[in-house]
Amino acid sequence: MPIYEYHCDDCSQEFELLVPNSRAEPDCPHCGGHKLTKLLSTFAAKGDGSSAASSSGGGCCPCGKGAGSCSMN
């Protein structure tokens, strides 16, 4: 089951939820609101960090600056 991040337009809270694929859109756990925006979130990948991109310092970050060089990672 994936974990999704949401923003509630009713109470302005942001939260994460484990959402089963078969379930309809969730309600806000803070206010019960139905006006939710699914947020773009980061993800975790398995590995030991020895890939060419992470060891060379470039290419692994979407901004192109490399790991640790910007606020995106």
Protein backbone atom coordinates (compact mmCIF):
# COMPACT_ATOMS: atom_id res chain seq x y z
CA MET A 1 0.00 0.00 0.00
CA PRO A 2 1.39 3.40 -0.91
CA ILE A 3 1.79 6.30 1.48
CA TYR A 4 0.46 9.56 0.08
CA GLU A 5 0.91 13.13 1.30
CA TYR A 6 -2.11 15.43 1.28
CA HIS A 7 -2.94 19.08 1.94
CA CYS A 8 -6.41 19.84 3.33
CA ASP A 9 -7.91 22.96 1.73
CA ASP A 10 -10.38 23.28 4.63
CA CYS A 11 -7.93 23.44 7.57
CA SER A 12 -4.57 23.90 5.75
CA GLN A 13 -3.01 20.87 7.47
CA GLU A 14 -0.60 18.56 5.65
CA PHE A 15 -0.53 14.87 6.49
CA GLU A 16 0.50 11.42 5.26
CA LEU A 17 -1.82 8.44 4.90
CA LEU A 18 -1.35 4.80 4.02
CA VAL A 19 -4.03 4.38 1.35
CA PRO A 20 -5.26 1.01 0.04
CA ASN A 21 -5.68 1.01 -3.75
CA SER A 22 -9.35 0.06 -3.60
CA ARG A 23 -10.36 2.85 -1.22
CA ALA A 24 -11.86 6.17 -2.29
CA GLU A 25 -10.08 9.44 -1.52
CA PRO A 26 -9.62 9.84 2.25
CA ASP A 27 -10.95 12.51 4.58
CA CYS A 28 -8.71 14.87 6.55
CA PRO A 29 -7.83 13.29 9.91
CA HIS A 30 -7.69 16.78 11.50
CA CYS A 31 -11.03 18.29 10.46
CA GLY A 32 -12.82 15.59 8.45
CA GLY A 33 -12.67 17.78 5.33
CA HIS A 34 -13.08 16.35 1.83
CA LYS A 35 -11.18 19.01 -0.16
CA LEU A 36 -7.74 17.38 -0.32
CA THR A 37 -4.86 18.00 -2.68
CA LYS A 38 -2.42 15.14 -3.22
CA LEU A 39 1.11 16.50 -2.82
CA LEU A 40 4.20 15.54 -4.76
CA SER A 41 6.47 13.74 -2.33
CA THR A 42 9.90 12.16 -2.30
CA PHE A 43 10.40 8.43 -2.21
CA ALA A 44 12.91 6.04 -0.73
CA ALA A 45 14.94 3.65 -2.85
CA LYS A 46 16.86 0.64 -1.65
CA GLY A 47 20.56 0.60 -2.29
CA ASP A 48 23.94 1.09 -0.70
CA GLY A 49 24.58 4.54 -2.17
CA SER A 50 27.41 3.35 -4.40
CA SER A 51 25.76 4.14 -7.73
CA ALA A 52 27.66 6.13 -10.32
CA ALA A 53 25.33 9.10 -9.89
CA SER A 54 25.77 9.36 -6.13
CA SER A 55 29.51 8.75 -6.13
CA SER A 56 30.24 11.24 -8.91
CA GLY A 57 28.17 14.01 -7.33
CA GLY A 58 25.99 14.64 -10.36
CA GLY A 59 22.92 13.39 -12.12
CA CYS A 60 20.99 12.03 -9.16
CA CYS A 61 19.12 15.22 -8.31
CA PRO A 62 16.38 16.47 -10.66
CA CYS A 63 17.90 19.96 -10.60
CA GLY A 64 21.17 18.60 -12.04
CA LYS A 65 23.36 20.04 -9.27
CA GLY A 66 24.06 16.69 -7.63
CA ALA A 67 23.46 15.18 -4.22
CA GLY A 68 23.46 17.62 -1.31
CA SER A 69 23.78 20.68 -3.56
CA CYS A 70 20.20 21.90 -3.40
CA SER A 71 17.06 21.77 -1.28
CA MET A 72 15.45 19.06 -3.44
CA ASN A 73 17.27 16.20 -1.68
